[in-house]
């Protein structure tokens, strides 16, 4: 059996939307975990750095694109 690939339409929009949601959710989880770590130990530079990276991402153009 031969399949004509030109006639098959694959809708990847669900996959892209799912990926975008996963990226945003992971940023929220990372921020929450690092925020709690900083609350427990205000001198935790690694957690503070992660918080800053998450904040930068949330304020970024890429984040706005992922969230429409």
PDB file of N, CA and C in Angstrom:
ATOM      1  N   UNK A   1       0.838  -1.172   0.000  1.00  0.00           N
ATOM      2  CA  UNK A   1       0.000   0.000   0.000  1.00  0.00           C
ATOM      3  C   UNK A   1       0.890   1.245   0.000  1.00  0.00           C
ATOM      4  N   UNK A   2       0.577   2.195  -0.853  1.00  0.00           N
ATOM      5  CA  UNK A   2       1.342   3.429  -0.965  1.00  0.00           C
ATOM      6  C   UNK A   2       0.491   4.569  -0.420  1.00  0.00           C
ATOM      7  N   UNK A   3       1.072   5.362   0.454  1.00  0.00           N
ATOM      8  CA  UNK A   3       0.353   6.495   1.036  1.00  0.00           C
ATOM      9  C   UNK A   3       0.896   7.778   0.423  1.00  0.00           C
ATOM     10  N   UNK A   4       0.004   8.579  -0.104  1.00  0.00           N
ATOM     11  CA  UNK A   4       0.389   9.855  -0.691  1.00  0.00           C
ATOM     12  C   UNK A   4       0.501  10.885   0.435  1.00  0.00           C
ATOM     13  N   UNK A   5       1.720  11.179   0.875  1.00  0.00           N
ATOM     14  CA  UNK A   5       1.952  12.080   2.005  1.00  0.00           C
ATOM     15  C   UNK A   5       1.521  13.511   1.712  1.00  0.00           C
ATOM     16  N   UNK A   6       1.415  13.870   0.461  1.00  0.00           N
ATOM     17  CA  UNK A   6       0.993  15.224   0.112  1.00  0.00           C
ATOM     18  C   UNK A   6      -0.471  15.454   0.455  1.00  0.00           C
ATOM     19  N   UNK A   7      -1.239  14.391   0.532  1.00  0.00           N
ATOM     20  CA  UNK A   7      -2.665  14.515   0.795  1.00  0.00           C
ATOM     21  C   UNK A   7      -2.994  14.412   2.278  1.00  0.00           C
ATOM     22  N   UNK A   8      -2.030  14.046   3.095  1.00  0.00           N
ATOM     23  CA  UNK A   8      -2.280  13.898   4.527  1.00  0.00           C
ATOM     24  C   UNK A   8      -1.990  15.225   5.218  1.00  0.00           C
ATOM     25  N   UNK A   9      -2.967  15.707   5.950  1.00  0.00           N
ATOM     26  CA  UNK A   9      -2.794  16.947   6.713  1.00  0.00           C
ATOM     27  C   UNK A   9      -2.685  16.589   8.185  1.00  0.00           C
ATOM     28  N   UNK A  10      -1.588  16.965   8.796  1.00  0.00           N
ATOM     29  CA  UNK A  10      -1.374  16.684  10.210  1.00  0.00           C
ATOM     30  C   UNK A  10      -1.496  17.992  10.972  1.00  0.00           C
ATOM     31  N   UNK A  11      -2.385  18.003  11.936  1.00  0.00           N
ATOM     32  CA  UNK A  11      -2.599  19.199  12.750  1.00  0.00           C
ATOM     33  C   UNK A  11      -1.749  19.095  14.006  1.00  0.00           C
ATOM     34  N   UNK A  12      -0.687  19.882  14.062  1.00  0.00           N
ATOM     35  CA  UNK A  12       0.213  19.872  15.209  1.00  0.00           C
ATOM     36  C   UNK A  12      -0.137  20.927  16.239  1.00  0.00           C
ATOM     37  N   UNK A  13      -1.215  21.655  16.055  1.00  0.00           N
ATOM     38  CA  UNK A  13      -1.520  22.765  16.959  1.00  0.00           C
ATOM     39  C   UNK A  13      -1.707  22.295  18.396  1.00  0.00           C
ATOM     40  N   UNK A  14      -2.312  21.123  18.585  1.00  0.00           N
ATOM     41  CA  UNK A  14      -2.486  20.621  19.948  1.00  0.00           C
ATOM     42  C   UNK A  14      -1.132  20.340  20.588  1.00  0.00           C
ATOM     43  N   UNK A  15      -0.234  19.748  19.832  1.00  0.00           N
ATOM     44  CA  UNK A  15       1.095  19.444  20.360  1.00  0.00           C
ATOM     45  C   UNK A  15       1.865  20.698  20.735  1.00  0.00           C
ATOM     46  N   UNK A  16       1.785  21.723  19.881  1.00  0.00           N
ATOM     47  CA  UNK A  16       2.476  22.975  20.182  1.00  0.00           C
ATOM     48  C   UNK A  16       1.869  23.656  21.402  1.00  0.00           C
ATOM     49  N   UNK A  17       0.558  23.642  21.501  1.00  0.00           N
ATOM     50  CA  UNK A  17      -0.114  24.258  22.643  1.00  0.00           C
ATOM     51  C   UNK A  17       0.237  23.525  23.928  1.00  0.00           C
ATOM     52  N   UNK A  18       0.276  22.218  23.858  1.00  0.00           N
ATOM     53  CA  UNK A  18       0.636  21.413  25.020  1.00  0.00           C
ATOM     54  C   UNK A  18       2.074  21.697  25.460  1.00  0.00           C
ATOM     55  N   UNK A  19       2.968  21.822  24.512  1.00  0.00           N
ATOM     56  CA  UNK A  19       4.366  22.145  24.823  1.00  0.00           C
ATOM     57  C   UNK A  19       4.464  23.519  25.467  1.00  0.00           C
ATOM     58  N   UNK A  20       3.760  24.498  24.916  1.00  0.00           N
ATOM     59  CA  UNK A  20       3.787  25.854  25.467  1.00  0.00           C
ATOM     60  C   UNK A  20       3.272  25.857  26.904  1.00  0.00           C
ATOM     61  N   UNK A  21       2.181  25.146  27.146  1.00  0.00           N
ATOM     62  CA  UNK A  21       1.631  25.074  28.499  1.00  0.00           C
ATOM     63  C   UNK A  21       2.607  24.412  29.458  1.00  0.00           C
ATOM     64  N   UNK A  22       3.307  23.393  28.994  1.00  0.00           N
ATOM     65  CA  UNK A  22       4.284  22.702  29.834  1.00  0.00           C
ATOM     66  C   UNK A  22       5.464  23.599  30.190  1.00  0.00           C
ATOM     67  N   UNK A  23       5.921  24.393  29.241  1.00  0.00           N
ATOM     68  CA  UNK A  23       7.037  25.313  29.492  1.00  0.00           C
ATOM     69  C   UNK A  23       6.635  26.344  30.545  1.00  0.00           C
ATOM     70  N   UNK A  24       5.448  26.909  30.406  1.00  0.00           N
ATOM     71  CA  UNK A  24       4.975  27.914  31.356  1.00  0.00           C
ATOM     72  C   UNK A  24       4.773  27.283  32.732  1.00  0.00           C
ATOM     73  N   UNK A  25       4.171  26.108  32.779  1.00  0.00           N
ATOM     74  CA  UNK A  25       3.949  25.423  34.052  1.00  0.00           C
ATOM     75  C   UNK A  25       5.269  25.122  34.754  1.00  0.00           C
ATOM     76  N   UNK A  26       6.280  24.708  33.995  1.00  0.00           N
ATOM     77  CA  UNK A  26       7.582  24.420  34.599  1.00  0.00           C
ATOM     78  C   UNK A  26       8.213  25.688  35.176  1.00  0.00           C
ATOM     79  N   UNK A  27       8.048  26.807  34.489  1.00  0.00           N
ATOM     80  CA  UNK A  27       8.575  28.077  35.014  1.00  0.00           C
ATOM     81  C   UNK A  27       7.888  28.443  36.324  1.00  0.00           C
ATOM     82  N   UNK A  28       6.590  28.210  36.399  1.00  0.00           N
ATOM     83  CA  UNK A  28       5.853  28.494  37.640  1.00  0.00           C
ATOM     84  C   UNK A  28       6.335  27.589  38.767  1.00  0.00           C
ATOM     85  N   UNK A  29       6.523  26.316  38.465  1.00  0.00           N
ATOM     86  CA  UNK A  29       7.024  25.374  39.480  1.00  0.00           C
ATOM     87  C   UNK A  29       8.425  25.765  39.939  1.00  0.00           C
ATOM     88  N   UNK A  30       9.299  26.101  38.993  1.00  0.00           N
ATOM     89  CA  UNK A  30      10.666  26.499  39.343  1.00  0.00           C
ATOM     90  C   UNK A  30      10.659  27.747  40.208  1.00  0.00           C
ATOM     91  N   UNK A  31       9.813  28.710  39.857  1.00  0.00           N
ATOM     92  CA  UNK A  31       9.736  29.947  40.633  1.00  0.00           C
ATOM     93  C   UNK A  31       9.228  29.653  42.038  1.00  0.00           C
ATOM     94  N   UNK A  32       8.178  28.859  42.142  1.00  0.00           N
ATOM     95  CA  UNK A  32       7.610  28.532  43.453  1.00  0.00           C
ATOM     96  C   UNK A  32       8.627  27.826  44.340  1.00  0.00           C
ATOM     97  N   UNK A  33       9.313  26.843  43.780  1.00  0.00           N
ATOM     98  CA  UNK A  33      10.319  26.115  44.563  1.00  0.00           C
ATOM     99  C   UNK A  33      11.466  27.018  44.997  1.00  0.00           C
ATOM    100  N   UNK A  34      11.935  27.863  44.101  1.00  0.00           N
ATOM    101  CA  UNK A  34      13.049  28.743  44.458  1.00  0.00           C
ATOM    102  C   UNK A  34      12.598  29.813  45.443  1.00  0.00           C
ATOM    103  N   UNK A  35      11.372  30.286  45.326  1.00  0.00           N
ATOM    104  CA  UNK A  35      10.838  31.279  46.268  1.00  0.00           C
ATOM    105  C   UNK A  35      10.793  30.690  47.677  1.00  0.00           C
ATOM    106  N   UNK A  36      10.301  29.468  47.783  1.00  0.00           N
ATOM    107  CA  UNK A  36      10.253  28.798  49.094  1.00  0.00           C
ATOM    108  C   UNK A  36      11.655  28.581  49.659  1.00  0.00           C
ATOM    109  N   UNK A  37      12.598  28.234  48.781  1.00  0.00           N
ATOM    110  CA  UNK A  37      13.974  28.023  49.228  1.00  0.00           C
ATOM    111  C   UNK A  37      14.576  29.326  49.753  1.00  0.00           C
ATOM    112  N   UNK A  38      14.283  30.441  49.115  1.00  0.00           N
ATOM    113  CA  UNK A  38      14.791  31.739  49.565  1.00  0.00           C
ATOM    114  C   UNK A  38      14.133  32.139  50.891  1.00  0.00           C
ATOM    115  N   UNK A  39      12.862  31.810  51.049  1.00  0.00           N
ATOM    116  CA  UNK A  39      12.195  32.102  52.321  1.00  0.00           C
ATOM    117  C   UNK A  39      12.844  31.322  53.460  1.00  0.00           C
ATOM    118  N   UNK A  40      13.194  30.066  53.205  1.00  0.00           N
ATOM    119  CA  UNK A  40      13.846  29.245  54.225  1.00  0.00           C
ATOM    120  C   UNK A  40      15.267  29.712  54.502  1.00  0.00           C
ATOM    121  N   UNK A  41      15.966  30.125  53.457  1.00  0.00           N
ATOM    122  CA  UNK A  41      17.366  30.545  53.579  1.00  0.00           C
ATOM    123  C   UNK A  41      17.598  31.746  52.663  1.00  0.00           C
ATOM    124  N   UNK A  42      17.454  32.964  53.211  1.00  0.00           N
ATOM    125  CA  UNK A  42      17.621  34.166  52.391  1.00  0.00           C
ATOM    126  C   UNK A  42      19.000  34.296  51.727  1.00  0.00           C
ATOM    127  N   UNK A  43      19.973  33.563  52.212  1.00  0.00           N
ATOM    128  CA  UNK A  43      21.309  33.617  51.626  1.00  0.00           C
ATOM    129  C   UNK A  43      21.522  32.611  50.504  1.00  0.00           C
ATOM    130  N   UNK A  44      20.497  31.901  50.116  1.00  0.00           N
ATOM    131  CA  UNK A  44      20.605  30.885  49.073  1.00  0.00           C
ATOM    132  C   UNK A  44      20.709  31.569  47.708  1.00  0.00           C
ATOM    133  N   UNK A  45      21.936  31.730  47.259  1.00  0.00           N
ATOM    134  CA  UNK A  45      22.174  32.449  46.001  1.00  0.00           C
ATOM    135  C   UNK A  45      21.676  31.678  44.783  1.00  0.00           C
ATOM    136  N   UNK A  46      21.776  30.368  44.834  1.00  0.00           N
ATOM    137  CA  UNK A  46      21.323  29.561  43.698  1.00  0.00           C
ATOM    138  C   UNK A  46      19.804  29.699  43.509  1.00  0.00           C
ATOM    139  N   UNK A  47      19.063  29.663  44.609  1.00  0.00           N
ATOM    140  CA  UNK A  47      17.606  29.816  44.525  1.00  0.00           C
ATOM    141  C   UNK A  47      17.236  31.234  44.092  1.00  0.00           C
ATOM    142  N   UNK A  48      17.969  32.208  44.595  1.00  0.00           N
ATOM    143  CA  UNK A  48      17.703  33.596  44.198  1.00  0.00           C
ATOM    144  C   UNK A  48      17.963  33.794  42.708  1.00  0.00           C
ATOM    145  N   UNK A  49      18.998  33.140  42.206  1.00  0.00           N
ATOM    146  CA  UNK A  49      19.303  33.229  40.775  1.00  0.00           C
ATOM    147  C   UNK A  49      18.186  32.592  39.951  1.00  0.00           C
ATOM    148  N   UNK A  50      17.683  31.441  40.410  1.00  0.00           N
ATOM    149  CA  UNK A  50      16.581  30.778  39.703  1.00  0.00           C
ATOM    150  C   UNK A  50      15.336  31.658  39.712  1.00  0.00           C
ATOM    151  N   UNK A  51      15.055  32.292  40.830  1.00  0.00           N
ATOM    152  CA  UNK A  51      13.914  33.205  40.895  1.00  0.00           C
ATOM    153  C   UNK A  51      14.059  34.312  39.861  1.00  0.00           C
ATOM    154  N   UNK A  52      15.255  34.895  39.776  1.00  0.00           N
ATOM    155  CA  UNK A  52      15.489  35.981  38.823  1.00  0.00           C
ATOM    156  C   UNK A  52      15.325  35.503  37.381  1.00  0.00           C
ATOM    157  N   UNK A  53      15.839  34.312  37.090  1.00  0.00           N
ATOM    158  CA  UNK A  53      15.687  33.761  35.739  1.00  0.00           C
ATOM    159  C   UNK A  53      14.213  33.548  35.404  1.00  0.00           C
ATOM    160  N   UNK A  54      13.447  33.054  36.363  1.00  0.00           N
ATOM    161  CA  UNK A  54      12.008  32.846  36.133  1.00  0.00           C
ATOM    162  C   UNK A  54      11.296  34.181  35.926  1.00  0.00           C
ATOM    163  N   UNK A  55      11.645  35.173  36.728  1.00  0.00           N
ATOM    164  CA  UNK A  55      11.037  36.499  36.576  1.00  0.00           C
ATOM    165  C   UNK A  55      11.373  37.089  35.208  1.00  0.00           C
ATOM    166  N   UNK A  56      12.621  36.938  34.793  1.00  0.00           N
ATOM    167  CA  UNK A  56      13.028  37.433  33.474  1.00  0.00           C
ATOM    168  C   UNK A  56      12.233  36.734  32.373  1.00  0.00           C
ATOM    169  N   UNK A  57      12.048  35.430  32.519  1.00  0.00           N
ATOM    170  CA  UNK A  57      11.275  34.682  31.531  1.00  0.00           C
ATOM    171  C   UNK A  57       9.826  35.149  31.503  1.00  0.00           C
ATOM    172  N   UNK A  58       9.224  35.329  32.676  1.00  0.00           N
ATOM    173  CA  UNK A  58       7.824  35.739  32.756  1.00  0.00           C
ATOM    174  C   UNK A  58       7.618  37.126  32.157  1.00  0.00           C
ATOM    175  N   UNK A  59       8.616  37.962  32.217  1.00  0.00           N
ATOM    176  CA  UNK A  59       8.525  39.311  31.647  1.00  0.00           C
ATOM    177  C   UNK A  59       8.963  39.357  30.177  1.00  0.00           C
ATOM    178  N   UNK A  60       9.339  38.210  29.634  1.00  0.00           N
ATOM    179  CA  UNK A  60       9.897  38.187  28.284  1.00  0.00           C
ATOM    180  C   UNK A  60       8.828  38.144  27.189  1.00  0.00           C
ATOM    181  N   UNK A  61       9.269  38.460  25.998  1.00  0.00           N
ATOM    182  CA  UNK A  61       8.426  38.395  24.817  1.00  0.00           C
ATOM    183  C   UNK A  61       8.034  36.953  24.488  1.00  0.00           C
ATOM    184  N   UNK A  62       8.973  36.041  24.734  1.00  0.00           N
ATOM    185  CA  UNK A  62       8.712  34.628  24.473  1.00  0.00           C
ATOM    186  C   UNK A  62       7.566  34.134  25.347  1.00  0.00           C
ATOM    187  N   UNK A  63       7.570  34.513  26.617  1.00  0.00           N
ATOM    188  CA  UNK A  63       6.488  34.124  27.528  1.00  0.00           C
ATOM    189  C   UNK A  63       5.148  34.634  27.009  1.00  0.00           C
ATOM    190  N   UNK A  64       5.121  35.885  26.572  1.00  0.00           N
ATOM    191  CA  UNK A  64       3.869  36.452  26.032  1.00  0.00           C
ATOM    192  C   UNK A  64       3.409  35.686  24.797  1.00  0.00           C
ATOM    193  N   UNK A  65       4.351  35.250  23.974  1.00  0.00           N
ATOM    194  CA  UNK A  65       3.989  34.464  22.796  1.00  0.00           C
ATOM    195  C   UNK A  65       3.395  33.117  23.194  1.00  0.00           C
ATOM    196  N   UNK A  66       3.976  32.506  24.204  1.00  0.00           N
ATOM    197  CA  UNK A  66       3.487  31.194  24.651  1.00  0.00           C
ATOM    198  C   UNK A  66       2.080  31.314  25.260  1.00  0.00           C
ATOM    199  N   UNK A  67       1.810  32.444  25.883  1.00  0.00           N
ATOM    200  CA  UNK A  67       0.524  32.625  26.560  1.00  0.00           C
ATOM    201  C   UNK A  67      -0.503  33.348  25.695  1.00  0.00           C
ATOM    202  N   UNK A  68      -0.142  33.707  24.473  1.00  0.00           N
ATOM    203  CA  UNK A  68      -1.030  34.472  23.587  1.00  0.00           C
ATOM    204  C   UNK A  68      -1.389  35.790  24.223  1.00  0.00           C
TER     205      UNK A  68
END
